[in-house]
PDB file of N, CA and C in Angstrom:
ATOM      1  N   UNK A   1      -6.382 -14.327  -4.094  1.00  0.00           N
ATOM      2  CA  UNK A   1      -4.974 -14.601  -4.269  1.00  0.00           C
ATOM      3  C   UNK A   1      -4.461 -14.033  -5.585  1.00  0.00           C
ATOM      4  N   UNK A   2      -5.312 -14.007  -6.614  1.00  0.00           N
ATOM      5  CA  UNK A   2      -4.882 -13.431  -7.881  1.00  0.00           C
ATOM      6  C   UNK A   2      -4.538 -11.960  -7.723  1.00  0.00           C
ATOM      7  N   UNK A   3      -5.339 -11.236  -6.928  1.00  0.00           N
ATOM      8  CA  UNK A   3      -5.077  -9.824  -6.704  1.00  0.00           C
ATOM      9  C   UNK A   3      -3.758  -9.630  -5.967  1.00  0.00           C
ATOM     10  N   UNK A   4      -3.469 -10.500  -4.988  1.00  0.00           N
ATOM     11  CA  UNK A   4      -2.219 -10.388  -4.250  1.00  0.00           C
ATOM     12  C   UNK A   4      -1.041 -10.563  -5.200  1.00  0.00           C
ATOM     13  N   UNK A   5      -1.068 -11.558  -6.036  1.00  0.00           N
ATOM     14  CA  UNK A   5       0.018 -11.797  -6.987  1.00  0.00           C
ATOM     15  C   UNK A   5       0.141 -10.647  -7.985  1.00  0.00           C
ATOM     16  N   UNK A   6      -0.969 -10.085  -8.389  1.00  0.00           N
ATOM     17  CA  UNK A   6      -0.965  -8.987  -9.355  1.00  0.00           C
ATOM     18  C   UNK A   6      -0.362  -7.718  -8.753  1.00  0.00           C
ATOM     19  N   UNK A   7      -0.570  -7.509  -7.451  1.00  0.00           N
ATOM     20  CA  UNK A   7      -0.118  -6.274  -6.811  1.00  0.00           C
ATOM     21  C   UNK A   7       1.256  -6.391  -6.154  1.00  0.00           C
ATOM     22  N   UNK A   8       1.731  -7.605  -5.898  1.00  0.00           N
ATOM     23  CA  UNK A   8       3.026  -7.770  -5.229  1.00  0.00           C
ATOM     24  C   UNK A   8       4.150  -7.757  -6.259  1.00  0.00           C
ATOM     25  N   UNK A   9       5.179  -6.906  -6.037  1.00  0.00           N
ATOM     26  CA  UNK A   9       6.267  -6.806  -7.010  1.00  0.00           C
ATOM     27  C   UNK A   9       7.641  -7.079  -6.400  1.00  0.00           C
ATOM     28  N   UNK A  10       7.698  -7.602  -5.186  1.00  0.00           N
ATOM     29  CA  UNK A  10       8.969  -8.027  -4.607  1.00  0.00           C
ATOM     30  C   UNK A  10       9.761  -6.910  -3.947  1.00  0.00           C
ATOM     31  N   UNK A  11      11.076  -7.060  -3.928  1.00  0.00           N
ATOM     32  CA  UNK A  11      11.980  -6.079  -3.325  1.00  0.00           C
ATOM     33  C   UNK A  11      12.330  -5.055  -4.396  1.00  0.00           C
ATOM     34  N   UNK A  12      12.009  -3.803  -4.129  1.00  0.00           N
ATOM     35  CA  UNK A  12      12.255  -2.714  -5.089  1.00  0.00           C
ATOM     36  C   UNK A  12      12.614  -1.445  -4.341  1.00  0.00           C
ATOM     37  N   UNK A  13      13.295  -0.554  -5.016  1.00  0.00           N
ATOM     38  CA  UNK A  13      13.506   0.790  -4.469  1.00  0.00           C
ATOM     39  C   UNK A  13      12.221   1.589  -4.697  1.00  0.00           C
ATOM     40  N   UNK A  14      12.034   2.651  -3.940  1.00  0.00           N
ATOM     41  CA  UNK A  14      10.852   3.480  -4.135  1.00  0.00           C
ATOM     42  C   UNK A  14      10.814   4.025  -5.558  1.00  0.00           C
ATOM     43  N   UNK A  15      11.959   4.403  -6.068  1.00  0.00           N
ATOM     44  CA  UNK A  15      12.032   4.946  -7.433  1.00  0.00           C
ATOM     45  C   UNK A  15      11.572   3.904  -8.463  1.00  0.00           C
ATOM     46  N   UNK A  16      11.992   2.649  -8.297  1.00  0.00           N
ATOM     47  CA  UNK A  16      11.576   1.588  -9.223  1.00  0.00           C
ATOM     48  C   UNK A  16      10.066   1.366  -9.163  1.00  0.00           C
ATOM     49  N   UNK A  17       9.490   1.460  -7.965  1.00  0.00           N
ATOM     50  CA  UNK A  17       8.033   1.321  -7.818  1.00  0.00           C
ATOM     51  C   UNK A  17       7.333   2.475  -8.519  1.00  0.00           C
ATOM     52  N   UNK A  18       7.822   3.680  -8.303  1.00  0.00           N
ATOM     53  CA  UNK A  18       7.209   4.876  -8.898  1.00  0.00           C
ATOM     54  C   UNK A  18       7.173   4.786 -10.420  1.00  0.00           C
ATOM     55  N   UNK A  19       8.176   4.192 -11.023  1.00  0.00           N
ATOM     56  CA  UNK A  19       8.240   4.074 -12.482  1.00  0.00           C
ATOM     57  C   UNK A  19       7.192   3.109 -13.028  1.00  0.00           C
ATOM     58  N   UNK A  20       6.676   2.201 -12.200  1.00  0.00           N
ATOM     59  CA  UNK A  20       5.664   1.234 -12.634  1.00  0.00           C
ATOM     60  C   UNK A  20       4.231   1.737 -12.442  1.00  0.00           C
ATOM     61  N   UNK A  21       4.046   2.750 -11.576  1.00  0.00           N
ATOM     62  CA  UNK A  21       2.702   3.181 -11.197  1.00  0.00           C
ATOM     63  C   UNK A  21       2.015   4.016 -12.273  1.00  0.00           C
ATOM     64  N   UNK A  22       0.690   3.849 -12.345  1.00  0.00           N
ATOM     65  CA  UNK A  22      -0.188   4.713 -13.126  1.00  0.00           C
ATOM     66  C   UNK A  22      -1.282   5.207 -12.180  1.00  0.00           C
ATOM     67  N   UNK A  23      -2.019   6.275 -12.536  1.00  0.00           N
ATOM     68  CA  UNK A  23      -3.037   6.799 -11.621  1.00  0.00           C
ATOM     69  C   UNK A  23      -4.033   5.734 -11.150  1.00  0.00           C
ATOM     70  N   UNK A  24      -4.236   5.679  -9.836  1.00  0.00           N
ATOM     71  CA  UNK A  24      -5.176   4.746  -9.222  1.00  0.00           C
ATOM     72  C   UNK A  24      -4.603   3.378  -8.943  1.00  0.00           C
ATOM     73  N   UNK A  25      -3.365   3.131  -9.329  1.00  0.00           N
ATOM     74  CA  UNK A  25      -2.753   1.812  -9.184  1.00  0.00           C
ATOM     75  C   UNK A  25      -1.905   1.747  -7.905  1.00  0.00           C
ATOM     76  N   UNK A  26      -1.817   0.542  -7.338  1.00  0.00           N
ATOM     77  CA  UNK A  26      -0.930   0.347  -6.190  1.00  0.00           C
ATOM     78  C   UNK A  26      -0.197  -0.974  -6.305  1.00  0.00           C
ATOM     79  N   UNK A  27       0.986  -1.002  -5.675  1.00  0.00           N
ATOM     80  CA  UNK A  27       1.798  -2.210  -5.601  1.00  0.00           C
ATOM     81  C   UNK A  27       2.265  -2.407  -4.172  1.00  0.00           C
ATOM     82  N   UNK A  28       2.316  -3.661  -3.743  1.00  0.00           N
ATOM     83  CA  UNK A  28       2.892  -4.035  -2.455  1.00  0.00           C
ATOM     84  C   UNK A  28       4.327  -4.450  -2.740  1.00  0.00           C
ATOM     85  N   UNK A  29       5.258  -3.909  -1.940  1.00  0.00           N
ATOM     86  CA  UNK A  29       6.660  -4.216  -2.179  1.00  0.00           C
ATOM     87  C   UNK A  29       7.463  -4.106  -0.895  1.00  0.00           C
ATOM     88  N   UNK A  30       8.619  -4.741  -0.894  1.00  0.00           N
ATOM     89  CA  UNK A  30       9.575  -4.562   0.190  1.00  0.00           C
ATOM     90  C   UNK A  30      10.509  -3.442  -0.225  1.00  0.00           C
ATOM     91  N   UNK A  31      10.620  -2.435   0.622  1.00  0.00           N
ATOM     92  CA  UNK A  31      11.389  -1.236   0.319  1.00  0.00           C
ATOM     93  C   UNK A  31      12.887  -1.505   0.442  1.00  0.00           C
ATOM     94  N   UNK A  32      13.557  -1.597  -0.700  1.00  0.00           N
ATOM     95  CA  UNK A  32      15.002  -1.838  -0.720  1.00  0.00           C
ATOM     96  C   UNK A  32      15.714  -0.523  -0.427  1.00  0.00           C
ATOM     97  N   UNK A  33      16.438  -0.462   0.687  1.00  0.00           N
ATOM     98  CA  UNK A  33      17.192   0.751   0.988  1.00  0.00           C
ATOM     99  C   UNK A  33      18.300   0.963  -0.042  1.00  0.00           C
ATOM    100  N   UNK A  34      18.753   2.207  -0.137  1.00  0.00           N
ATOM    101  CA  UNK A  34      19.851   2.474  -1.063  1.00  0.00           C
ATOM    102  C   UNK A  34      21.101   1.744  -0.589  1.00  0.00           C
ATOM    103  N   UNK A  35      21.963   1.426  -1.509  1.00  0.00           N
ATOM    104  CA  UNK A  35      23.156   0.652  -1.191  1.00  0.00           C
ATOM    105  C   UNK A  35      23.079  -0.713  -1.835  1.00  0.00           C
ATOM    106  N   UNK A  36      24.104  -1.477  -1.691  1.00  0.00           N
ATOM    107  CA  UNK A  36      24.209  -2.762  -2.368  1.00  0.00           C
ATOM    108  C   UNK A  36      23.506  -3.883  -1.604  1.00  0.00           C
ATOM    109  N   UNK A  37      23.724  -3.946  -0.298  1.00  0.00           N
ATOM    110  CA  UNK A  37      23.211  -5.061   0.493  1.00  0.00           C
ATOM    111  C   UNK A  37      21.782  -4.834   0.955  1.00  0.00           C
ATOM    112  N   UNK A  38      21.004  -5.901   0.961  1.00  0.00           N
ATOM    113  CA  UNK A  38      19.652  -5.864   1.510  1.00  0.00           C
ATOM    114  C   UNK A  38      19.766  -6.270   2.972  1.00  0.00           C
ATOM    115  N   UNK A  39      19.265  -5.448   3.902  1.00  0.00           N
ATOM    116  CA  UNK A  39      19.359  -5.812   5.316  1.00  0.00           C
ATOM    117  C   UNK A  39      18.507  -7.039   5.649  1.00  0.00           C
ATOM    118  N   UNK A  40      18.704  -7.582   6.836  1.00  0.00           N
ATOM    119  CA  UNK A  40      17.970  -8.773   7.261  1.00  0.00           C
ATOM    120  C   UNK A  40      16.470  -8.497   7.308  1.00  0.00           C
ATOM    121  N   UNK A  41      16.075  -7.350   7.796  1.00  0.00           N
ATOM    122  CA  UNK A  41      14.654  -6.993   7.824  1.00  0.00           C
ATOM    123  C   UNK A  41      14.451  -5.712   7.021  1.00  0.00           C
ATOM    124  N   UNK A  42      13.447  -5.728   6.165  1.00  0.00           N
ATOM    125  CA  UNK A  42      13.101  -4.531   5.404  1.00  0.00           C
ATOM    126  C   UNK A  42      11.603  -4.309   5.488  1.00  0.00           C
ATOM    127  N   UNK A  43      11.200  -3.066   5.272  1.00  0.00           N
ATOM    128  CA  UNK A  43       9.816  -2.664   5.481  1.00  0.00           C
ATOM    129  C   UNK A  43       8.932  -3.026   4.282  1.00  0.00           C
ATOM    130  N   UNK A  44       7.757  -3.578   4.590  1.00  0.00           N
ATOM    131  CA  UNK A  44       6.742  -3.864   3.577  1.00  0.00           C
ATOM    132  C   UNK A  44       5.912  -2.600   3.392  1.00  0.00           C
ATOM    133  N   UNK A  45       5.729  -2.188   2.133  1.00  0.00           N
ATOM    134  CA  UNK A  45       5.015  -0.940   1.850  1.00  0.00           C
ATOM    135  C   UNK A  45       4.048  -1.116   0.695  1.00  0.00           C
ATOM    136  N   UNK A  46       3.199  -0.103   0.562  1.00  0.00           N
ATOM    137  CA  UNK A  46       2.337   0.021  -0.612  1.00  0.00           C
ATOM    138  C   UNK A  46       2.734   1.304  -1.310  1.00  0.00           C
ATOM    139  N   UNK A  47       3.068   1.179  -2.601  1.00  0.00           N
ATOM    140  CA  UNK A  47       3.287   2.357  -3.436  1.00  0.00           C
ATOM    141  C   UNK A  47       1.990   2.642  -4.166  1.00  0.00           C
ATOM    142  N   UNK A  48       1.554   3.899  -4.136  1.00  0.00           N
ATOM    143  CA  UNK A  48       0.252   4.260  -4.710  1.00  0.00           C
ATOM    144  C   UNK A  48       0.360   5.590  -5.454  1.00  0.00           C
ATOM    145  N   UNK A  49      -0.244   5.657  -6.644  1.00  0.00           N
ATOM    146  CA  UNK A  49      -0.352   6.919  -7.373  1.00  0.00           C
ATOM    147  C   UNK A  49      -1.808   7.356  -7.346  1.00  0.00           C
ATOM    148  N   UNK A  50      -2.044   8.554  -6.822  1.00  0.00           N
ATOM    149  CA  UNK A  50      -3.411   9.081  -6.718  1.00  0.00           C
ATOM    150  C   UNK A  50      -3.935   9.498  -8.088  1.00  0.00           C
ATOM    151  N   UNK A  51      -5.203   9.858  -8.127  1.00  0.00           N
ATOM    152  CA  UNK A  51      -5.817  10.295  -9.380  1.00  0.00           C
ATOM    153  C   UNK A  51      -5.186  11.593  -9.884  1.00  0.00           C
ATOM    154  N   UNK A  52      -4.536  12.341  -8.982  1.00  0.00           N
ATOM    155  CA  UNK A  52      -3.849  13.576  -9.379  1.00  0.00           C
ATOM    156  C   UNK A  52      -2.371  13.334  -9.656  1.00  0.00           C
ATOM    157  N   UNK A  53      -1.978  12.056  -9.739  1.00  0.00           N
ATOM    158  CA  UNK A  53      -0.624  11.615 -10.071  1.00  0.00           C
ATOM    159  C   UNK A  53       0.401  11.873  -8.968  1.00  0.00           C
ATOM    160  N   UNK A  54      -0.070  12.098  -7.758  1.00  0.00           N
ATOM    161  CA  UNK A  54       0.851  12.223  -6.630  1.00  0.00           C
ATOM    162  C   UNK A  54       1.157  10.817  -6.119  1.00  0.00           C
ATOM    163  N   UNK A  55       2.427  10.566  -5.774  1.00  0.00           N
ATOM    164  CA  UNK A  55       2.844   9.228  -5.348  1.00  0.00           C
ATOM    165  C   UNK A  55       3.038   9.183  -3.838  1.00  0.00           C
ATOM    166  N   UNK A  56       2.549   8.085  -3.256  1.00  0.00           N
ATOM    167  CA  UNK A  56       2.658   7.847  -1.813  1.00  0.00           C
ATOM    168  C   UNK A  56       3.304   6.485  -1.592  1.00  0.00           C
ATOM    169  N   UNK A  57       4.027   6.374  -0.490  1.00  0.00           N
ATOM    170  CA  UNK A  57       4.606   5.103  -0.064  1.00  0.00           C
ATOM    171  C   UNK A  57       4.144   4.882   1.375  1.00  0.00           C
ATOM    172  N   UNK A  58       3.124   4.047   1.543  1.00  0.00           N
ATOM    173  CA  UNK A  58       2.545   3.794   2.865  1.00  0.00           C
ATOM    174  C   UNK A  58       3.134   2.518   3.458  1.00  0.00           C
ATOM    175  N   UNK A  59       3.639   2.571   4.693  1.00  0.00           N
ATOM    176  CA  UNK A  59       4.105   1.337   5.327  1.00  0.00           C
ATOM    177  C   UNK A  59       2.932   0.443   5.715  1.00  0.00           C
ATOM    178  N   UNK A  60       3.155  -0.865   5.660  1.00  0.00           N
ATOM    179  CA  UNK A  60       2.180  -1.840   6.162  1.00  0.00           C
ATOM    180  C   UNK A  60       2.692  -2.273   7.524  1.00  0.00           C
ATOM    181  N   UNK A  61       1.869  -2.098   8.528  1.00  0.00           N
ATOM    182  CA  UNK A  61       2.269  -2.404   9.900  1.00  0.00           C
ATOM    183  C   UNK A  61       1.560  -3.666  10.382  1.00  0.00           C
ATOM    184  N   UNK A  62       2.299  -4.473  11.123  1.00  0.00           N
ATOM    185  CA  UNK A  62       1.721  -5.674  11.740  1.00  0.00           C
ATOM    186  C   UNK A  62       1.428  -5.373  13.207  1.00  0.00           C
ATOM    187  N   UNK A  63       0.234  -5.767  13.642  1.00  0.00           N
ATOM    188  CA  UNK A  63      -0.180  -5.622  15.035  1.00  0.00           C
ATOM    189  C   UNK A  63      -0.556  -7.002  15.550  1.00  0.00           C
ATOM    190  N   UNK A  64      -0.372  -7.243  16.827  1.00  0.00           N
ATOM    191  CA  UNK A  64      -0.823  -8.493  17.446  1.00  0.00           C
ATOM    192  C   UNK A  64      -1.957  -8.178  18.404  1.00  0.00           C
ATOM    193  N   UNK A  65      -3.031  -8.931  18.281  1.00  0.00           N
ATOM    194  CA  UNK A  65      -4.187  -8.763  19.155  1.00  0.00           C
ATOM    195  C   UNK A  65      -4.595 -10.150  19.635  1.00  0.00           C
ATOM    196  N   UNK A  66      -4.445 -10.399  20.917  1.00  0.00           N
ATOM    197  CA  UNK A  66      -4.757 -11.688  21.534  1.00  0.00           C
ATOM    198  C   UNK A  66      -4.052 -12.829  20.800  1.00  0.00           C
ATOM    199  N   UNK A  67      -2.788 -12.601  20.460  1.00  0.00           N
ATOM    200  CA  UNK A  67      -1.981 -13.629  19.824  1.00  0.00           C
ATOM    201  C   UNK A  67      -2.198 -13.798  18.334  1.00  0.00           C
ATOM    202  N   UNK A  68      -3.073 -13.022  17.731  1.00  0.00           N
ATOM    203  CA  UNK A  68      -3.348 -13.109  16.302  1.00  0.00           C
ATOM    204  C   UNK A  68      -2.761 -11.895  15.585  1.00  0.00           C
ATOM    205  N   UNK A  69      -2.143 -12.103  14.424  1.00  0.00           N
ATOM    206  CA  UNK A  69      -1.603 -10.952  13.687  1.00  0.00           C
ATOM    207  C   UNK A  69      -2.689 -10.233  12.898  1.00  0.00           C
ATOM    208  N   UNK A  70      -2.567  -8.923  12.834  1.00  0.00           N
ATOM    209  CA  UNK A  70      -3.420  -8.081  11.999  1.00  0.00           C
ATOM    210  C   UNK A  70      -2.527  -7.091  11.280  1.00  0.00           C
ATOM    211  N   UNK A  71      -2.950  -6.685  10.077  1.00  0.00           N
ATOM    212  CA  UNK A  71      -2.143  -5.804   9.249  1.00  0.00           C
ATOM    213  C   UNK A  71      -2.951  -4.570   8.872  1.00  0.00           C
ATOM    214  N   UNK A  72      -2.261  -3.430   8.785  1.00  0.00           N
ATOM    215  CA  UNK A  72      -2.917  -2.180   8.432  1.00  0.00           C
ATOM    216  C   UNK A  72      -1.981  -1.342   7.578  1.00  0.00           C
ATOM    217  N   UNK A  73      -2.555  -0.600   6.650  1.00  0.00           N
ATOM    218  CA  UNK A  73      -1.801   0.358   5.853  1.00  0.00           C
ATOM    219  C   UNK A  73      -1.799   1.660   6.633  1.00  0.00           C
ATOM    220  N   UNK A  74      -0.609   2.147   6.970  1.00  0.00           N
ATOM    221  CA  UNK A  74      -0.479   3.378   7.754  1.00  0.00           C
ATOM    222  C   UNK A  74      -0.492   4.559   6.787  1.00  0.00           C
ATOM    223  N   UNK A  75      -1.709   5.030   6.492  1.00  0.00           N
ATOM    224  CA  UNK A  75      -1.909   6.078   5.501  1.00  0.00           C
ATOM    225  C   UNK A  75      -2.387   7.359   6.155  1.00  0.00           C
ATOM    226  N   UNK A  76      -2.696   8.348   5.349  1.00  0.00           N
ATOM    227  CA  UNK A  76      -3.135   9.626   5.886  1.00  0.00           C
ATOM    228  C   UNK A  76      -4.590   9.601   6.343  1.00  0.00           C
ATOM    229  N   UNK A  77      -5.335   8.592   5.948  1.00  0.00           N
ATOM    230  CA  UNK A  77      -6.727   8.423   6.370  1.00  0.00           C
ATOM    231  C   UNK A  77      -6.749   8.075   7.855  1.00  0.00           C
ATOM    232  N   UNK A  78      -7.611   8.738   8.623  1.00  0.00           N
ATOM    233  CA  UNK A  78      -7.670   8.475  10.066  1.00  0.00           C
ATOM    234  C   UNK A  78      -8.427   7.189  10.386  1.00  0.00           C
ATOM    235  N   UNK A  79      -9.146   6.643   9.427  1.00  0.00           N
ATOM    236  CA  UNK A  79      -9.900   5.405   9.621  1.00  0.00           C
ATOM    237  C   UNK A  79      -9.022   4.225   9.221  1.00  0.00           C
ATOM    238  N   UNK A  80      -8.172   3.754  10.152  1.00  0.00           N
ATOM    239  CA  UNK A  80      -7.257   2.651   9.864  1.00  0.00           C
ATOM    240  C   UNK A  80      -8.028   1.338   9.898  1.00  0.00           C
ATOM    241  N   UNK A  81      -7.930   0.596   8.811  1.00  0.00           N
ATOM    242  CA  UNK A  81      -8.611  -0.696   8.718  1.00  0.00           C
ATOM    243  C   UNK A  81      -7.599  -1.801   9.002  1.00  0.00           C
ATOM    244  N   UNK A  82      -8.016  -2.797   9.781  1.00  0.00           N
ATOM    245  CA  UNK A  82      -7.155  -3.918  10.151  1.00  0.00           C
ATOM    246  C   UNK A  82      -7.612  -5.169   9.399  1.00  0.00           C
ATOM    247  N   UNK A  83      -6.624  -5.975   8.971  1.00  0.00           N
ATOM    248  CA  UNK A  83      -6.907  -7.178   8.204  1.00  0.00           C
ATOM    249  C   UNK A  83      -6.143  -8.354   8.784  1.00  0.00           C
ATOM    250  N   UNK A  84      -6.717  -9.562   8.739  1.00  0.00           N
ATOM    251  CA  UNK A  84      -6.051 -10.732   9.322  1.00  0.00           C
ATOM    252  C   UNK A  84      -4.906 -11.284   8.470  1.00  0.00           C
ATOM    253  N   UNK A  85      -4.771 -10.802   7.225  1.00  0.00           N
ATOM    254  CA  UNK A  85      -3.686 -11.267   6.359  1.00  0.00           C
ATOM    255  C   UNK A  85      -3.360 -10.183   5.344  1.00  0.00           C
ATOM    256  N   UNK A  86      -2.184 -10.296   4.741  1.00  0.00           N
ATOM    257  CA  UNK A  86      -1.807  -9.378   3.669  1.00  0.00           C
ATOM    258  C   UNK A  86      -2.728  -9.591   2.469  1.00  0.00           C
ATOM    259  N   UNK A  87      -3.083 -10.840   2.204  1.00  0.00           N
ATOM    260  CA  UNK A  87      -3.981 -11.139   1.081  1.00  0.00           C
ATOM    261  C   UNK A  87      -5.334 -10.449   1.248  1.00  0.00           C
ATOM    262  N   UNK A  88      -5.907 -10.468   2.456  1.00  0.00           N
ATOM    263  CA  UNK A  88      -7.206  -9.808   2.668  1.00  0.00           C
ATOM    264  C   UNK A  88      -7.066  -8.291   2.592  1.00  0.00           C
ATOM    265  N   UNK A  89      -5.931  -7.754   3.007  1.00  0.00           N
ATOM    266  CA  UNK A  89      -5.667  -6.317   2.891  1.00  0.00           C
ATOM    267  C   UNK A  89      -5.644  -5.925   1.409  1.00  0.00           C
ATOM    268  N   UNK A  90      -4.892  -6.661   0.600  1.00  0.00           N
ATOM    269  CA  UNK A  90      -4.806  -6.363  -0.830  1.00  0.00           C
ATOM    270  C   UNK A  90      -6.168  -6.523  -1.494  1.00  0.00           C
ATOM    271  N   UNK A  91      -6.898  -7.571  -1.157  1.00  0.00           N
ATOM    272  CA  UNK A  91      -8.234  -7.792  -1.730  1.00  0.00           C
ATOM    273  C   UNK A  91      -9.154  -6.610  -1.441  1.00  0.00           C
ATOM    274  N   UNK A  92      -9.123  -6.110  -0.207  1.00  0.00           N
ATOM    275  CA  UNK A  92      -9.971  -4.973   0.162  1.00  0.00           C
ATOM    276  C   UNK A  92      -9.637  -3.745  -0.685  1.00  0.00           C
ATOM    277  N   UNK A  93      -8.360  -3.380  -0.744  1.00  0.00           N
ATOM    278  CA  UNK A  93      -7.984  -2.166  -1.476  1.00  0.00           C
ATOM    279  C   UNK A  93      -8.084  -2.348  -2.982  1.00  0.00           C
ATOM    280  N   UNK A  94      -8.018  -3.573  -3.455  1.00  0.00           N
ATOM    281  CA  UNK A  94      -8.241  -3.844  -4.874  1.00  0.00           C
ATOM    282  C   UNK A  94      -9.720  -3.621  -5.227  1.00  0.00           C
ATOM    283  N   UNK A  95     -10.603  -3.890  -4.274  1.00  0.00           N
ATOM    284  CA  UNK A  95     -12.039  -3.852  -4.518  1.00  0.00           C
ATOM    285  C   UNK A  95     -12.688  -2.505  -4.213  1.00  0.00           C
ATOM    286  N   UNK A  96     -12.278  -1.848  -3.106  1.00  0.00           N
ATOM    287  CA  UNK A  96     -12.974  -0.650  -2.630  1.00  0.00           C
ATOM    288  C   UNK A  96     -12.155   0.613  -2.828  1.00  0.00           C
ATOM    289  N   UNK A  97     -12.859   1.725  -3.012  1.00  0.00           N
ATOM    290  CA  UNK A  97     -12.232   3.033  -3.165  1.00  0.00           C
ATOM    291  C   UNK A  97     -12.984   4.065  -2.340  1.00  0.00           C
ATOM    292  N   UNK A  98     -12.343   5.207  -2.108  1.00  0.00           N
ATOM    293  CA  UNK A  98     -12.963   6.341  -1.426  1.00  0.00           C
ATOM    294  C   UNK A  98     -13.392   7.350  -2.487  1.00  0.00           C
ATOM    295  N   UNK A  99     -14.530   7.993  -2.281  1.00  0.00           N
ATOM    296  CA  UNK A  99     -14.962   9.079  -3.151  1.00  0.00           C
ATOM    297  C   UNK A  99     -14.893  10.362  -2.349  1.00  0.00           C
ATOM    298  N   UNK A 100     -14.166  11.351  -2.869  1.00  0.00           N
ATOM    299  CA  UNK A 100     -14.096  12.650  -2.223  1.00  0.00           C
ATOM    300  C   UNK A 100     -15.400  13.380  -2.535  1.00  0.00           C
ATOM    301  N   UNK A 101     -16.223  13.702  -1.508  1.00  0.00           N
ATOM    302  CA  UNK A 101     -17.528  14.312  -1.768  1.00  0.00           C
ATOM    303  C   UNK A 101     -17.430  15.705  -2.393  1.00  0.00           C
ATOM    304  N   UNK A 102     -16.321  16.405  -2.172  1.00  0.00           N
ATOM    305  CA  UNK A 102     -16.166  17.751  -2.729  1.00  0.00           C
ATOM    306  C   UNK A 102     -15.764  17.735  -4.192  1.00  0.00           C
ATOM    307  N   UNK A 103     -14.837  16.838  -4.560  1.00  0.00           N
ATOM    308  CA  UNK A 103     -14.327  16.828  -5.936  1.00  0.00           C
ATOM    309  C   UNK A 103     -14.892  15.692  -6.770  1.00  0.00           C
ATOM    310  N   UNK A 104     -15.408  14.654  -6.100  1.00  0.00           N
ATOM    311  CA  UNK A 104     -15.904  13.484  -6.811  1.00  0.00           C
ATOM    312  C   UNK A 104     -14.804  12.548  -7.280  1.00  0.00           C
ATOM    313  N   UNK A 105     -13.548  12.855  -6.917  1.00  0.00           N
ATOM    314  CA  UNK A 105     -12.444  11.991  -7.357  1.00  0.00           C
ATOM    315  C   UNK A 105     -12.465  10.679  -6.580  1.00  0.00           C
ATOM    316  N   UNK A 106     -12.025   9.647  -7.247  1.00  0.00           N
ATOM    317  CA  UNK A 106     -12.014   8.295  -6.689  1.00  0.00           C
ATOM    318  C   UNK A 106     -10.589   7.952  -6.298  1.00  0.00           C
ATOM    319  N   UNK A 107     -10.383   7.560  -5.037  1.00  0.00           N
ATOM    320  CA  UNK A 107      -9.062   7.205  -4.548  1.00  0.00           C
ATOM    321  C   UNK A 107      -9.135   5.847  -3.850  1.00  0.00           C
ATOM    322  N   UNK A 108      -8.091   5.050  -3.997  1.00  0.00           N
ATOM    323  CA  UNK A 108      -8.013   3.771  -3.325  1.00  0.00           C
ATOM    324  C   UNK A 108      -7.669   3.951  -1.862  1.00  0.00           C
ATOM    325  N   UNK A 109      -6.810   4.930  -1.560  1.00  0.00           N
ATOM    326  CA  UNK A 109      -6.381   5.202  -0.190  1.00  0.00           C
ATOM    327  C   UNK A 109      -6.744   6.622   0.172  1.00  0.00           C
ATOM    328  N   UNK A 110      -6.945   6.866   1.471  1.00  0.00           N
ATOM    329  CA  UNK A 110      -7.236   8.218   1.938  1.00  0.00           C
ATOM    330  C   UNK A 110      -5.996   9.081   1.786  1.00  0.00           C
ATOM    331  N   UNK A 111      -6.040  10.045   0.879  1.00  0.00           N
ATOM    332  CA  UNK A 111      -4.889  10.926   0.652  1.00  0.00           C
ATOM    333  C   UNK A 111      -5.328  12.374   0.818  1.00  0.00           C
ATOM    334  N   UNK A 112      -4.399  13.225   1.240  1.00  0.00           N
ATOM    335  CA  UNK A 112      -4.761  14.632   1.370  1.00  0.00           C
ATOM    336  C   UNK A 112      -5.031  15.252  -0.002  1.00  0.00           C
ATOM    337  N   UNK A 113      -5.997  16.151  -0.061  1.00  0.00           N
ATOM    338  CA  UNK A 113      -6.323  16.821  -1.331  1.00  0.00           C
ATOM    339  C   UNK A 113      -5.778  18.222  -1.358  1.00  0.00           C
TER     340      UNK A 113
END
C-alpha cells in the first residue's frame, strides 16, 4: 500500500505528470483532458520515463474474468500481465524491471528501443 500511495498522484494533465518524472520513475494518475471541466469518467494511466528519458503514457485497462476484475497496463510489451487490483499492479512494477539483453538497460515497462 505504501508503494501505491507513493506512485499515485491524482488527476493531472499529461504535461503535469511529465514534469514530475525522472528516469526509471512512474506515476499512476487520472488523465485530465484539456479544458476546464473534468468529465464523469476519465482514463487511469501510468506515466513513465525510460532510462533514455523518453516519456510514455500507458492506459490501465480493466478486464472482467468470471465476474472478477483484473487490471493490466497496456504497454508496448507483448507480455501483458494481469493483476487482481491496482495495488498489486503497482507493487509488481515497483519491484520488478526488464533488462534489455542487447544494451543491458533496465526498464520498468517494456518499451521500444
